[in-house]
């Protein structure tokens, strides 16, 4: 997947805070963020863990999904790349 069409954020912490935002507003994020927050705001968000780069996020398995993301067809265990495709 080409990540040039999305916004990428990398905040250097002990483990990096990583986020990918699609043009439609969908979010693929690392474990620093909470799916409960996405549920409160009604936004589609999927969480992956154990990642250090945006490319790692594409290969990692989704471990948490907001209600809005689930409505787009994102399920636990799918790859970050598959989730990002559905969020785009």
Foldseek 3Di string as FASTA:
>chain_A
DDLPQWDWDWDDDVAIWIWTAHPLGEIETEPVDDLVVCQVVVHWYWYFYDDRDPVSQQATFTQDTHPNLVVLVDDGGDGSVVSVVSND
